[in-house]
């Protein structure tokens, strides 16, 4: 069996741990702390088992229509994928030539570099918050801009992204996985006819509490959406996922209420950590990216928390190794996290 050399060298994406068992406080993968809309459970109950013998709607048409109505656009401007990761993978194939490159903020979602490695093209990272006008974008044909960014939680005003896209000759995908926890979003850029190279991507994994479902979507110019359509798998989103996601879209009130609870818990946790000497930058996502007090080793603290069945995320990269990413859970889970931090600091 022959495996291409660049795949042999590939390190692959490293996902967060998926611990199970009683007493686990899971604050490491940015999942929603609250259950999805009850309408999702109703959709599961109503889904006819006999329909499983049939292929699903190949283009997720009912779901695309609902998403289009939600954002005030046409279904032809909407693509639905098997999670937003499928959309990113397709974009790396469709919008990047063999002699071109993929760009993104750095640090950001680590899958972006992995996608470039899979395509065997260069990845170029650009320091978050640096002067965009000084970025060397030569050869970059696809720019993946997470907003709010991960793992930092920093939000950039849509007008800044619009100004960047206006000068950028390639395609800009604004990855808005966490937009529902922020003060704004860039969806209007994707639906504006004047913007021919901006695609805004969302996921059902975060604000809709459907990480186990694997559904994502993007909105953008018809020609870019059509290109994704003709390169996707024949039946890329299964019928059950389409039905449940459609139910979630139809219950915006439930999703919005969950997001408000998470934002309140985020701000409380940020305040609690700051009182304990942590550096906690403002976050507009469902997580915090915080630096422990001087003299506290983040990786050691990460391991000590794990011993107490509290899971957060540590990234050992040069730009991230001094901080910890903490997903926001329920108030009770955040209380356990803070109590564990206090116990560890006291040597317990």
C-alpha atoms as a PDB file:
ATOM      1  CA  UNK A   1       0.000   0.000   0.000  1.00  0.00           C
ATOM      2  CA  UNK A   2       1.375   3.408  -0.953  1.00  0.00           C
ATOM      3  CA  UNK A   3       0.726   6.438   1.222  1.00  0.00           C
ATOM      4  CA  UNK A   4       1.783   9.793  -0.169  1.00  0.00           C
ATOM      5  CA  UNK A   5       4.842  11.294   1.479  1.00  0.00           C
ATOM      6  CA  UNK A   6       3.090  14.411   2.758  1.00  0.00           C
ATOM      7  CA  UNK A   7       0.426  12.267   4.455  1.00  0.00           C
ATOM      8  CA  UNK A   8       3.152  10.158   6.048  1.00  0.00           C
ATOM      9  CA  UNK A   9       4.527  13.355   7.576  1.00  0.00           C
ATOM     10  CA  UNK A  10       1.096  14.626   8.592  1.00  0.00           C
ATOM     11  CA  UNK A  11       0.577  15.069  12.338  1.00  0.00           C
ATOM     12  CA  UNK A  12      -3.190  15.363  12.109  1.00  0.00           C
ATOM     13  CA  UNK A  13      -5.668  17.362  14.157  1.00  0.00           C
ATOM     14  CA  UNK A  14      -5.626  16.722  17.913  1.00  0.00           C
ATOM     15  CA  UNK A  15      -9.114  16.920  19.408  1.00  0.00           C
ATOM     16  CA  UNK A  16      -9.926  17.535  23.036  1.00  0.00           C
ATOM     17  CA  UNK A  17     -10.228  14.615  25.401  1.00  0.00           C
ATOM     18  CA  UNK A  18     -13.646  13.011  25.722  1.00  0.00           C
ATOM     19  CA  UNK A  19     -13.754  11.796  29.330  1.00  0.00           C
ATOM     20  CA  UNK A  20     -16.757   9.949  30.662  1.00  0.00           C
ATOM     21  CA  UNK A  21     -17.971   8.799  34.025  1.00  0.00           C
ATOM     22  CA  UNK A  22     -19.647  10.267  37.044  1.00  0.00           C
ATOM     23  CA  UNK A  23     -18.272  13.432  38.547  1.00  0.00           C
ATOM     24  CA  UNK A  24     -16.495  14.639  35.403  1.00  0.00           C
ATOM     25  CA  UNK A  25     -16.568  18.402  34.792  1.00  0.00           C
ATOM     26  CA  UNK A  26     -15.935  18.757  31.070  1.00  0.00           C
ATOM     27  CA  UNK A  27     -14.769  22.264  30.192  1.00  0.00           C
ATOM     28  CA  UNK A  28     -12.353  21.379  27.393  1.00  0.00           C
ATOM     29  CA  UNK A  29     -14.158  21.223  24.035  1.00  0.00           C
ATOM     30  CA  UNK A  30     -16.408  24.307  23.961  1.00  0.00           C
ATOM     31  CA  UNK A  31     -19.592  22.246  23.935  1.00  0.00           C
ATOM     32  CA  UNK A  32     -22.789  23.927  25.071  1.00  0.00           C
ATOM     33  CA  UNK A  33     -23.530  23.367  28.743  1.00  0.00           C
ATOM     34  CA  UNK A  34     -27.278  23.154  28.120  1.00  0.00           C
ATOM     35  CA  UNK A  35     -29.444  20.716  26.140  1.00  0.00           C
ATOM     36  CA  UNK A  36     -30.824  21.557  22.709  1.00  0.00           C
ATOM     37  CA  UNK A  37     -34.369  22.727  22.124  1.00  0.00           C
ATOM     38  CA  UNK A  38     -37.082  20.221  23.115  1.00  0.00           C
ATOM     39  CA  UNK A  39     -38.205  20.515  19.502  1.00  0.00           C
ATOM     40  CA  UNK A  40     -35.072  18.561  18.559  1.00  0.00           C
ATOM     41  CA  UNK A  41     -36.178  15.623  20.714  1.00  0.00           C
ATOM     42  CA  UNK A  42     -39.633  15.846  19.170  1.00  0.00           C
ATOM     43  CA  UNK A  43     -38.104  15.722  15.691  1.00  0.00           C
ATOM     44  CA  UNK A  44     -36.185  12.574  16.643  1.00  0.00           C
ATOM     45  CA  UNK A  45     -39.344  10.903  17.920  1.00  0.00           C
ATOM     46  CA  UNK A  46     -41.262  11.815  14.763  1.00  0.00           C
ATOM     47  CA  UNK A  47     -38.560  10.663  12.376  1.00  0.00           C
ATOM     48  CA  UNK A  48     -39.915   7.528  10.662  1.00  0.00           C
ATOM     49  CA  UNK A  49     -37.599   4.540  10.993  1.00  0.00           C
ATOM     50  CA  UNK A  50     -38.777   3.328   7.578  1.00  0.00           C
ATOM     51  CA  UNK A  51     -37.209   6.433   6.034  1.00  0.00           C
ATOM     52  CA  UNK A  52     -33.750   5.183   7.013  1.00  0.00           C
ATOM     53  CA  UNK A  53     -33.758   2.829   4.033  1.00  0.00           C
ATOM     54  CA  UNK A  54     -33.871   5.861   1.731  1.00  0.00           C
ATOM     55  CA  UNK A  55     -31.137   8.336   0.919  1.00  0.00           C
ATOM     56  CA  UNK A  56     -31.614  11.744   2.547  1.00  0.00           C
ATOM     57  CA  UNK A  57     -32.323  14.958   0.674  1.00  0.00           C
ATOM     58  CA  UNK A  58     -29.067  15.374  -1.243  1.00  0.00           C
ATOM     59  CA  UNK A  59     -28.977  19.163  -0.921  1.00  0.00           C
ATOM     60  CA  UNK A  60     -30.598  19.539   2.522  1.00  0.00           C
ATOM     61  CA  UNK A  61     -33.249  21.657   0.807  1.00  0.00           C
ATOM     62  CA  UNK A  62     -35.755  22.201   3.665  1.00  0.00           C
ATOM     63  CA  UNK A  63     -32.935  23.083   6.056  1.00  0.00           C
ATOM     64  CA  UNK A  64     -31.312  25.429   3.542  1.00  0.00           C
ATOM     65  CA  UNK A  65     -34.647  27.195   3.047  1.00  0.00           C
ATOM     66  CA  UNK A  66     -35.048  27.684   6.800  1.00  0.00           C
ATOM     67  CA  UNK A  67     -31.492  29.006   7.164  1.00  0.00           C
ATOM     68  CA  UNK A  68     -32.010  31.332   4.197  1.00  0.00           C
ATOM     69  CA  UNK A  69     -35.188  32.711   5.788  1.00  0.00           C
ATOM     70  CA  UNK A  70     -33.360  33.179   9.097  1.00  0.00           C
ATOM     71  CA  UNK A  71     -30.680  35.307   7.453  1.00  0.00           C
ATOM     72  CA  UNK A  72     -32.818  37.057   4.845  1.00  0.00           C
ATOM     73  CA  UNK A  73     -31.248  35.505   1.785  1.00  0.00           C
ATOM     74  CA  UNK A  74     -31.915  32.846  -0.883  1.00  0.00           C
ATOM     75  CA  UNK A  75     -31.409  29.079  -0.469  1.00  0.00           C
ATOM     76  CA  UNK A  76     -29.000  29.337  -3.408  1.00  0.00           C
ATOM     77  CA  UNK A  77     -26.754  31.342  -1.093  1.00  0.00           C
ATOM     78  CA  UNK A  78     -26.684  28.605   1.568  1.00  0.00           C
ATOM     79  CA  UNK A  79     -24.622  25.425   1.792  1.00  0.00           C
ATOM     80  CA  UNK A  80     -25.151  22.807   4.521  1.00  0.00           C
ATOM     81  CA  UNK A  81     -22.302  20.510   5.471  1.00  0.00           C
ATOM     82  CA  UNK A  82     -21.501  17.537   7.655  1.00  0.00           C
ATOM     83  CA  UNK A  83     -20.262  19.863  10.363  1.00  0.00           C
ATOM     84  CA  UNK A  84     -18.474  23.089   9.529  1.00  0.00           C
ATOM     85  CA  UNK A  85     -15.276  21.034   9.286  1.00  0.00           C
ATOM     86  CA  UNK A  86     -16.577  19.513   6.039  1.00  0.00           C
ATOM     87  CA  UNK A  87     -17.105  23.011   4.669  1.00  0.00           C
ATOM     88  CA  UNK A  88     -13.534  23.931   5.570  1.00  0.00           C
ATOM     89  CA  UNK A  89     -12.213  20.770   3.927  1.00  0.00           C
ATOM     90  CA  UNK A  90     -14.177  21.469   0.748  1.00  0.00           C
ATOM     91  CA  UNK A  91     -13.014  25.085   0.721  1.00  0.00           C
ATOM     92  CA  UNK A  92      -9.405  23.928   0.873  1.00  0.00           C
ATOM     93  CA  UNK A  93     -10.046  21.864  -2.264  1.00  0.00           C
ATOM     94  CA  UNK A  94     -12.224  24.328  -4.144  1.00  0.00           C
ATOM     95  CA  UNK A  95     -10.611  27.697  -3.473  1.00  0.00           C
ATOM     96  CA  UNK A  96      -6.914  26.734  -3.237  1.00  0.00           C
ATOM     97  CA  UNK A  97      -4.733  25.748  -6.180  1.00  0.00           C
ATOM     98  CA  UNK A  98      -1.751  23.429  -5.850  1.00  0.00           C
ATOM     99  CA  UNK A  99       0.606  26.410  -6.037  1.00  0.00           C
ATOM    100  CA  UNK A 100      -1.374  28.570  -3.600  1.00  0.00           C
ATOM    101  CA  UNK A 101      -1.637  28.839   0.184  1.00  0.00           C
ATOM    102  CA  UNK A 102      -4.141  28.991   3.045  1.00  0.00           C
ATOM    103  CA  UNK A 103      -3.961  31.825   5.558  1.00  0.00           C
ATOM    104  CA  UNK A 104      -5.468  32.394   8.987  1.00  0.00           C
ATOM    105  CA  UNK A 105      -4.922  34.210  12.236  1.00  0.00           C
ATOM    106  CA  UNK A 106      -2.273  32.795  14.554  1.00  0.00           C
ATOM    107  CA  UNK A 107      -3.141  31.485  17.036  1.00  0.00           C
ATOM    108  CA  UNK A 108      -6.467  30.182  15.786  1.00  0.00           C
ATOM    109  CA  UNK A 109      -8.306  26.919  15.109  1.00  0.00           C
ATOM    110  CA  UNK A 110      -5.481  24.398  14.647  1.00  0.00           C
ATOM    111  CA  UNK A 111      -7.429  22.446  12.028  1.00  0.00           C
ATOM    112  CA  UNK A 112      -6.660  25.201   9.501  1.00  0.00           C
ATOM    113  CA  UNK A 113      -2.988  24.256   9.330  1.00  0.00           C
ATOM    114  CA  UNK A 114      -3.894  20.572   9.216  1.00  0.00           C
ATOM    115  CA  UNK A 115      -6.135  21.205   6.192  1.00  0.00           C
ATOM    116  CA  UNK A 116      -3.237  22.909   4.436  1.00  0.00           C
ATOM    117  CA  UNK A 117      -1.008  19.947   5.258  1.00  0.00           C
ATOM    118  CA  UNK A 118      -3.603  17.522   3.887  1.00  0.00           C
ATOM    119  CA  UNK A 119      -3.788  19.559   0.673  1.00  0.00           C
ATOM    120  CA  UNK A 120       0.030  19.715   0.652  1.00  0.00           C
ATOM    121  CA  UNK A 121       0.003  23.505   0.337  1.00  0.00           C
ATOM    122  CA  UNK A 122       1.594  26.129   2.611  1.00  0.00           C
ATOM    123  CA  UNK A 123      -0.198  27.590   5.597  1.00  0.00           C
ATOM    124  CA  UNK A 124       0.552  31.168   6.595  1.00  0.00           C
ATOM    125  CA  UNK A 125      -0.345  32.419  10.045  1.00  0.00           C
ATOM    126  CA  UNK A 126      -0.774  36.101  10.890  1.00  0.00           C
ATOM    127  CA  UNK A 127      -0.510  37.389  14.428  1.00  0.00           C
ATOM    128  CA  UNK A 128      -3.888  38.293  15.853  1.00  0.00           C
ATOM    129  CA  UNK A 129      -4.184  42.009  16.485  1.00  0.00           C
ATOM    130  CA  UNK A 130      -1.228  42.906  14.272  1.00  0.00           C
ATOM    131  CA  UNK A 131      -1.327  45.467  11.447  1.00  0.00           C
ATOM    132  CA  UNK A 132      -3.311  43.826   8.625  1.00  0.00           C
ATOM    133  CA  UNK A 133      -1.752  46.215   6.142  1.00  0.00           C
ATOM    134  CA  UNK A 134       1.658  44.655   6.779  1.00  0.00           C
ATOM    135  CA  UNK A 135       0.607  41.045   6.256  1.00  0.00           C
ATOM    136  CA  UNK A 136       2.466  39.270   3.446  1.00  0.00           C
ATOM    137  CA  UNK A 137      -0.451  37.566   1.712  1.00  0.00           C
ATOM    138  CA  UNK A 138       1.420  36.628  -1.458  1.00  0.00           C
ATOM    139  CA  UNK A 139       0.130  33.303  -2.757  1.00  0.00           C
ATOM    140  CA  UNK A 140      -2.742  33.084  -0.244  1.00  0.00           C
ATOM    141  CA  UNK A 141      -6.014  32.328  -2.037  1.00  0.00           C
ATOM    142  CA  UNK A 142      -8.146  31.322   0.971  1.00  0.00           C
ATOM    143  CA  UNK A 143      -8.188  33.187   4.272  1.00  0.00           C
ATOM    144  CA  UNK A 144      -9.945  31.598   7.254  1.00  0.00           C
ATOM    145  CA  UNK A 145     -10.871  34.282   9.789  1.00  0.00           C
ATOM    146  CA  UNK A 146     -12.392  32.960  12.999  1.00  0.00           C
ATOM    147  CA  UNK A 147     -14.490  35.645  14.684  1.00  0.00           C
ATOM    148  CA  UNK A 148     -14.657  35.581  17.664  1.00  0.00           C
ATOM    149  CA  UNK A 149     -11.307  33.866  17.443  1.00  0.00           C
ATOM    150  CA  UNK A 150     -10.365  30.600  19.091  1.00  0.00           C
ATOM    151  CA  UNK A 151      -8.666  30.094  21.444  1.00  0.00           C
ATOM    152  CA  UNK A 152      -8.463  33.776  22.411  1.00  0.00           C
ATOM    153  CA  UNK A 153     -12.160  34.751  22.265  1.00  0.00           C
ATOM    154  CA  UNK A 154     -11.268  38.106  20.669  1.00  0.00           C
ATOM    155  CA  UNK A 155     -13.926  39.775  18.501  1.00  0.00           C
ATOM    156  CA  UNK A 156     -13.107  41.911  15.462  1.00  0.00           C
ATOM    157  CA  UNK A 157     -15.641  44.378  14.122  1.00  0.00           C
ATOM    158  CA  UNK A 158     -17.136  43.187  10.799  1.00  0.00           C
ATOM    159  CA  UNK A 159     -16.124  46.423   9.086  1.00  0.00           C
ATOM    160  CA  UNK A 160     -12.468  45.474   9.611  1.00  0.00           C
ATOM    161  CA  UNK A 161     -13.032  42.111   7.954  1.00  0.00           C
ATOM    162  CA  UNK A 162     -14.919  43.805   5.106  1.00  0.00           C
ATOM    163  CA  UNK A 163     -12.007  46.198   4.543  1.00  0.00           C
ATOM    164  CA  UNK A 164      -9.592  43.265   4.484  1.00  0.00           C
ATOM    165  CA  UNK A 165     -11.752  41.271   2.039  1.00  0.00           C
ATOM    166  CA  UNK A 166     -12.087  44.259  -0.289  1.00  0.00           C
ATOM    167  CA  UNK A 167      -8.329  44.211  -0.905  1.00  0.00           C
ATOM    168  CA  UNK A 168      -7.871  40.435  -0.732  1.00  0.00           C
ATOM    169  CA  UNK A 169      -8.024  38.729  -4.151  1.00  0.00           C
ATOM    170  CA  UNK A 170      -9.088  35.331  -2.858  1.00  0.00           C
ATOM    171  CA  UNK A 171     -11.947  33.966  -0.760  1.00  0.00           C
ATOM    172  CA  UNK A 172     -12.461  34.974   2.872  1.00  0.00           C
ATOM    173  CA  UNK A 173     -14.356  32.537   5.080  1.00  0.00           C
ATOM    174  CA  UNK A 174     -15.478  34.117   8.343  1.00  0.00           C
ATOM    175  CA  UNK A 175     -15.765  31.208  10.762  1.00  0.00           C
ATOM    176  CA  UNK A 176     -18.478  32.293  13.207  1.00  0.00           C
ATOM    177  CA  UNK A 177     -18.707  29.195  15.361  1.00  0.00           C
ATOM    178  CA  UNK A 178     -19.022  31.439  18.433  1.00  0.00           C
ATOM    179  CA  UNK A 179     -20.909  34.408  16.978  1.00  0.00           C
ATOM    180  CA  UNK A 180     -24.036  33.854  19.084  1.00  0.00           C
ATOM    181  CA  UNK A 181     -22.014  34.587  22.224  1.00  0.00           C
ATOM    182  CA  UNK A 182     -20.643  37.860  20.826  1.00  0.00           C
ATOM    183  CA  UNK A 183     -21.930  41.411  20.548  1.00  0.00           C
ATOM    184  CA  UNK A 184     -22.116  41.225  16.757  1.00  0.00           C
ATOM    185  CA  UNK A 185     -21.523  39.137  13.658  1.00  0.00           C
ATOM    186  CA  UNK A 186     -20.543  39.409  10.013  1.00  0.00           C
ATOM    187  CA  UNK A 187     -23.529  37.686   8.407  1.00  0.00           C
ATOM    188  CA  UNK A 188     -24.577  40.928   6.679  1.00  0.00           C
ATOM    189  CA  UNK A 189     -21.296  40.804   4.753  1.00  0.00           C
ATOM    190  CA  UNK A 190     -22.206  37.425   3.258  1.00  0.00           C
ATOM    191  CA  UNK A 191     -25.678  38.522   2.173  1.00  0.00           C
ATOM    192  CA  UNK A 192     -24.609  41.876   0.665  1.00  0.00           C
ATOM    193  CA  UNK A 193     -24.529  41.617  -3.158  1.00  0.00           C
ATOM    194  CA  UNK A 194     -21.483  43.888  -3.341  1.00  0.00           C
ATOM    195  CA  UNK A 195     -19.307  41.374  -1.494  1.00  0.00           C
ATOM    196  CA  UNK A 196     -18.235  38.727  -3.995  1.00  0.00           C
ATOM    197  CA  UNK A 197     -15.579  36.926  -1.956  1.00  0.00           C
ATOM    198  CA  UNK A 198     -16.969  36.705   1.610  1.00  0.00           C
ATOM    199  CA  UNK A 199     -18.500  33.516   3.023  1.00  0.00           C
ATOM    200  CA  UNK A 200     -19.776  33.383   6.600  1.00  0.00           C
ATOM    201  CA  UNK A 201     -19.829  29.979   8.268  1.00  0.00           C
ATOM    202  CA  UNK A 202     -21.823  28.807  11.300  1.00  0.00           C
ATOM    203  CA  UNK A 203     -22.123  25.538  13.193  1.00  0.00           C
ATOM    204  CA  UNK A 204     -24.889  23.814  15.137  1.00  0.00           C
ATOM    205  CA  UNK A 205     -22.297  22.492  17.608  1.00  0.00           C
ATOM    206  CA  UNK A 206     -22.040  25.498  19.916  1.00  0.00           C
ATOM    207  CA  UNK A 207     -25.040  27.780  20.394  1.00  0.00           C
ATOM    208  CA  UNK A 208     -27.571  25.164  19.207  1.00  0.00           C
ATOM    209  CA  UNK A 209     -26.167  22.489  21.592  1.00  0.00           C
ATOM    210  CA  UNK A 210     -25.861  19.927  18.790  1.00  0.00           C
ATOM    211  CA  UNK A 211     -22.156  19.015  18.717  1.00  0.00           C
ATOM    212  CA  UNK A 212     -23.069  15.330  18.455  1.00  0.00           C
ATOM    213  CA  UNK A 213     -25.135  15.919  15.332  1.00  0.00           C
ATOM    214  CA  UNK A 214     -22.387  17.219  12.990  1.00  0.00           C
ATOM    215  CA  UNK A 215     -24.142  19.928  10.983  1.00  0.00           C
ATOM    216  CA  UNK A 216     -22.729  23.245   9.826  1.00  0.00           C
ATOM    217  CA  UNK A 217     -23.596  25.765   7.155  1.00  0.00           C
ATOM    218  CA  UNK A 218     -22.276  28.751   5.304  1.00  0.00           C
ATOM    219  CA  UNK A 219     -23.801  31.702   3.499  1.00  0.00           C
ATOM    220  CA  UNK A 220     -22.177  33.464   0.584  1.00  0.00           C
ATOM    221  CA  UNK A 221     -22.210  34.407  -3.108  1.00  0.00           C
ATOM    222  CA  UNK A 222     -24.088  31.966  -5.323  1.00  0.00           C
ATOM    223  CA  UNK A 223     -21.074  31.045  -7.439  1.00  0.00           C
ATOM    224  CA  UNK A 224     -19.001  30.098  -4.389  1.00  0.00           C
ATOM    225  CA  UNK A 225     -21.884  28.123  -2.874  1.00  0.00           C
ATOM    226  CA  UNK A 226     -22.425  26.331  -6.200  1.00  0.00           C
ATOM    227  CA  UNK A 227     -18.758  25.327  -6.258  1.00  0.00           C
ATOM    228  CA  UNK A 228     -19.091  23.746  -2.823  1.00  0.00           C
ATOM    229  CA  UNK A 229     -22.291  22.002  -3.905  1.00  0.00           C
ATOM    230  CA  UNK A 230     -20.717  20.221  -6.846  1.00  0.00           C
ATOM    231  CA  UNK A 231     -17.723  18.984  -4.848  1.00  0.00           C
ATOM    232  CA  UNK A 232     -19.472  17.685  -1.716  1.00  0.00           C
ATOM    233  CA  UNK A 233     -20.238  14.032  -1.055  1.00  0.00           C
ATOM    234  CA  UNK A 234     -23.406  12.857  -2.809  1.00  0.00           C
ATOM    235  CA  UNK A 235     -25.452  12.711   0.410  1.00  0.00           C
ATOM    236  CA  UNK A 236     -23.279  14.608   2.830  1.00  0.00           C
ATOM    237  CA  UNK A 237     -25.810  15.270   5.643  1.00  0.00           C
ATOM    238  CA  UNK A 238     -27.914  12.373   6.893  1.00  0.00           C
ATOM    239  CA  UNK A 239     -31.688  12.577   7.141  1.00  0.00           C
ATOM    240  CA  UNK A 240     -31.868  12.479  10.934  1.00  0.00           C
ATOM    241  CA  UNK A 241     -29.357  15.318  11.222  1.00  0.00           C
ATOM    242  CA  UNK A 242     -31.297  17.419   8.728  1.00  0.00           C
ATOM    243  CA  UNK A 243     -34.569  16.920  10.629  1.00  0.00           C
ATOM    244  CA  UNK A 244     -33.098  17.743  14.036  1.00  0.00           C
ATOM    245  CA  UNK A 245     -31.159  20.771  12.765  1.00  0.00           C
ATOM    246  CA  UNK A 246     -34.318  22.093  11.123  1.00  0.00           C
ATOM    247  CA  UNK A 247     -36.148  21.831  14.452  1.00  0.00           C
ATOM    248  CA  UNK A 248     -33.328  23.748  16.131  1.00  0.00           C
ATOM    249  CA  UNK A 249     -33.460  26.560  13.576  1.00  0.00           C
ATOM    250  CA  UNK A 250     -37.170  26.912  14.245  1.00  0.00           C
ATOM    251  CA  UNK A 251     -36.579  27.539  17.955  1.00  0.00           C
ATOM    252  CA  UNK A 252     -34.359  30.599  18.082  1.00  0.00           C
ATOM    253  CA  UNK A 253     -35.740  31.615  21.477  1.00  0.00           C
ATOM    254  CA  UNK A 254     -34.374  28.467  23.135  1.00  0.00           C
ATOM    255  CA  UNK A 255     -30.943  28.893  21.567  1.00  0.00           C
ATOM    256  CA  UNK A 256     -30.786  32.579  22.496  1.00  0.00           C
ATOM    257  CA  UNK A 257     -31.763  31.870  26.104  1.00  0.00           C
ATOM    258  CA  UNK A 258     -28.986  29.290  26.432  1.00  0.00           C
ATOM    259  CA  UNK A 259     -26.464  31.741  24.999  1.00  0.00           C
ATOM    260  CA  UNK A 260     -27.462  34.409  27.498  1.00  0.00           C
ATOM    261  CA  UNK A 261     -26.903  31.979  30.375  1.00  0.00           C
ATOM    262  CA  UNK A 262     -23.468  31.095  29.077  1.00  0.00           C
ATOM    263  CA  UNK A 263     -22.481  34.754  28.659  1.00  0.00           C
ATOM    264  CA  UNK A 264     -23.515  35.486  32.249  1.00  0.00           C
ATOM    265  CA  UNK A 265     -21.518  32.498  33.530  1.00  0.00           C
ATOM    266  CA  UNK A 266     -18.542  33.547  31.375  1.00  0.00           C
ATOM    267  CA  UNK A 267     -18.439  37.013  32.872  1.00  0.00           C
ATOM    268  CA  UNK A 268     -18.809  35.707  36.420  1.00  0.00           C
ATOM    269  CA  UNK A 269     -15.991  33.192  35.943  1.00  0.00           C
ATOM    270  CA  UNK A 270     -13.779  35.880  34.398  1.00  0.00           C
ATOM    271  CA  UNK A 271     -14.375  38.074  37.446  1.00  0.00           C
ATOM    272  CA  UNK A 272     -13.687  35.210  39.856  1.00  0.00           C
ATOM    273  CA  UNK A 273     -10.378  34.433  38.140  1.00  0.00           C
ATOM    274  CA  UNK A 274      -9.296  38.082  38.035  1.00  0.00           C
ATOM    275  CA  UNK A 275      -9.882  38.329  41.794  1.00  0.00           C
ATOM    276  CA  UNK A 276      -7.406  35.445  42.123  1.00  0.00           C
ATOM    277  CA  UNK A 277      -4.720  37.200  40.103  1.00  0.00           C
ATOM    278  CA  UNK A 278      -5.377  35.659  36.689  1.00  0.00           C
ATOM    279  CA  UNK A 279      -4.980  37.628  33.475  1.00  0.00           C
ATOM    280  CA  UNK A 280      -8.309  37.203  31.668  1.00  0.00           C
ATOM    281  CA  UNK A 281      -8.732  39.161  28.423  1.00  0.00           C
ATOM    282  CA  UNK A 282     -12.292  40.006  27.328  1.00  0.00           C
ATOM    283  CA  UNK A 283     -13.944  37.055  25.579  1.00  0.00           C
ATOM    284  CA  UNK A 284     -16.945  37.028  23.260  1.00  0.00           C
ATOM    285  CA  UNK A 285     -17.125  33.264  22.921  1.00  0.00           C
ATOM    286  CA  UNK A 286     -18.241  30.421  25.191  1.00  0.00           C
ATOM    287  CA  UNK A 287     -14.780  30.078  26.718  1.00  0.00           C
ATOM    288  CA  UNK A 288     -12.018  32.059  28.423  1.00  0.00           C
ATOM    289  CA  UNK A 289      -8.329  32.064  27.489  1.00  0.00           C
ATOM    290  CA  UNK A 290      -6.681  32.944  30.751  1.00  0.00           C
ATOM    291  CA  UNK A 291      -3.163  33.140  32.179  1.00  0.00           C
ATOM    292  CA  UNK A 292      -2.714  31.894  35.756  1.00  0.00           C
ATOM    293  CA  UNK A 293      -0.996  34.098  38.344  1.00  0.00           C
ATOM    294  CA  UNK A 294       2.751  34.615  38.151  1.00  0.00           C
ATOM    295  CA  UNK A 295       4.553  31.559  39.492  1.00  0.00           C
ATOM    296  CA  UNK A 296       1.809  29.115  38.479  1.00  0.00           C
ATOM    297  CA  UNK A 297       2.720  26.765  35.637  1.00  0.00           C
ATOM    298  CA  UNK A 298      -0.301  26.410  33.293  1.00  0.00           C
ATOM    299  CA  UNK A 299       0.507  22.869  32.211  1.00  0.00           C
ATOM    300  CA  UNK A 300       0.971  21.744  35.809  1.00  0.00           C
ATOM    301  CA  UNK A 301      -2.354  23.314  36.756  1.00  0.00           C
ATOM    302  CA  UNK A 302      -4.000  21.629  33.763  1.00  0.00           C
ATOM    303  CA  UNK A 303      -2.732  18.237  34.974  1.00  0.00           C
ATOM    304  CA  UNK A 304      -3.751  18.854  38.601  1.00  0.00           C
ATOM    305  CA  UNK A 305      -7.267  19.777  37.502  1.00  0.00           C
ATOM    306  CA  UNK A 306      -7.463  16.599  35.451  1.00  0.00           C
ATOM    307  CA  UNK A 307      -6.601  14.600  38.575  1.00  0.00           C
ATOM    308  CA  UNK A 308      -9.697  16.168  40.116  1.00  0.00           C
ATOM    309  CA  UNK A 309     -11.812  15.126  37.097  1.00  0.00           C
ATOM    310  CA  UNK A 310     -11.984  18.686  35.784  1.00  0.00           C
ATOM    311  CA  UNK A 311     -10.971  18.903  32.154  1.00  0.00           C
ATOM    312  CA  UNK A 312      -9.900  22.128  30.468  1.00  0.00           C
ATOM    313  CA  UNK A 313      -7.582  22.672  27.471  1.00  0.00           C
ATOM    314  CA  UNK A 314      -3.858  23.377  27.326  1.00  0.00           C
ATOM    315  CA  UNK A 315      -2.076  24.191  24.063  1.00  0.00           C
ATOM    316  CA  UNK A 316       1.701  23.839  24.156  1.00  0.00           C
ATOM    317  CA  UNK A 317       2.403  26.115  21.168  1.00  0.00           C
ATOM    318  CA  UNK A 318       4.762  29.077  21.440  1.00  0.00           C
ATOM    319  CA  UNK A 319       1.922  31.627  21.402  1.00  0.00           C
ATOM    320  CA  UNK A 320      -0.450  29.707  23.688  1.00  0.00           C
ATOM    321  CA  UNK A 321       1.584  27.827  26.287  1.00  0.00           C
ATOM    322  CA  UNK A 322       1.240  30.454  29.016  1.00  0.00           C
ATOM    323  CA  UNK A 323      -2.578  30.210  29.090  1.00  0.00           C
ATOM    324  CA  UNK A 324      -5.439  27.784  29.613  1.00  0.00           C
ATOM    325  CA  UNK A 325      -8.683  27.627  27.663  1.00  0.00           C
ATOM    326  CA  UNK A 326     -11.720  27.130  29.861  1.00  0.00           C
ATOM    327  CA  UNK A 327     -15.067  26.287  28.282  1.00  0.00           C
ATOM    328  CA  UNK A 328     -18.025  27.764  30.124  1.00  0.00           C
ATOM    329  CA  UNK A 329     -20.277  25.235  31.814  1.00  0.00           C
ATOM    330  CA  UNK A 330     -23.257  25.515  34.097  1.00  0.00           C
ATOM    331  CA  UNK A 331     -22.975  27.733  37.203  1.00  0.00           C
ATOM    332  CA  UNK A 332     -22.468  24.600  39.311  1.00  0.00           C
ATOM    333  CA  UNK A 333     -19.669  23.353  37.049  1.00  0.00           C
ATOM    334  CA  UNK A 334     -17.942  26.731  37.164  1.00  0.00           C
ATOM    335  CA  UNK A 335     -18.201  26.745  40.958  1.00  0.00           C
ATOM    336  CA  UNK A 336     -16.481  23.338  41.041  1.00  0.00           C
ATOM    337  CA  UNK A 337     -13.768  24.654  38.728  1.00  0.00           C
ATOM    338  CA  UNK A 338     -13.083  27.711  40.897  1.00  0.00           C
ATOM    339  CA  UNK A 339     -13.129  25.593  44.068  1.00  0.00           C
ATOM    340  CA  UNK A 340     -10.612  23.198  42.507  1.00  0.00           C
ATOM    341  CA  UNK A 341      -8.360  26.106  41.525  1.00  0.00           C
ATOM    342  CA  UNK A 342      -8.421  27.346  45.120  1.00  0.00           C
ATOM    343  CA  UNK A 343      -7.669  23.875  46.494  1.00  0.00           C
ATOM    344  CA  UNK A 344      -4.719  23.367  44.139  1.00  0.00           C
ATOM    345  CA  UNK A 345      -3.280  26.785  45.026  1.00  0.00           C
ATOM    346  CA  UNK A 346      -3.430  25.744  48.698  1.00  0.00           C
ATOM    347  CA  UNK A 347      -1.624  22.499  47.900  1.00  0.00           C
ATOM    348  CA  UNK A 348      -4.643  20.265  48.330  1.00  0.00           C
END
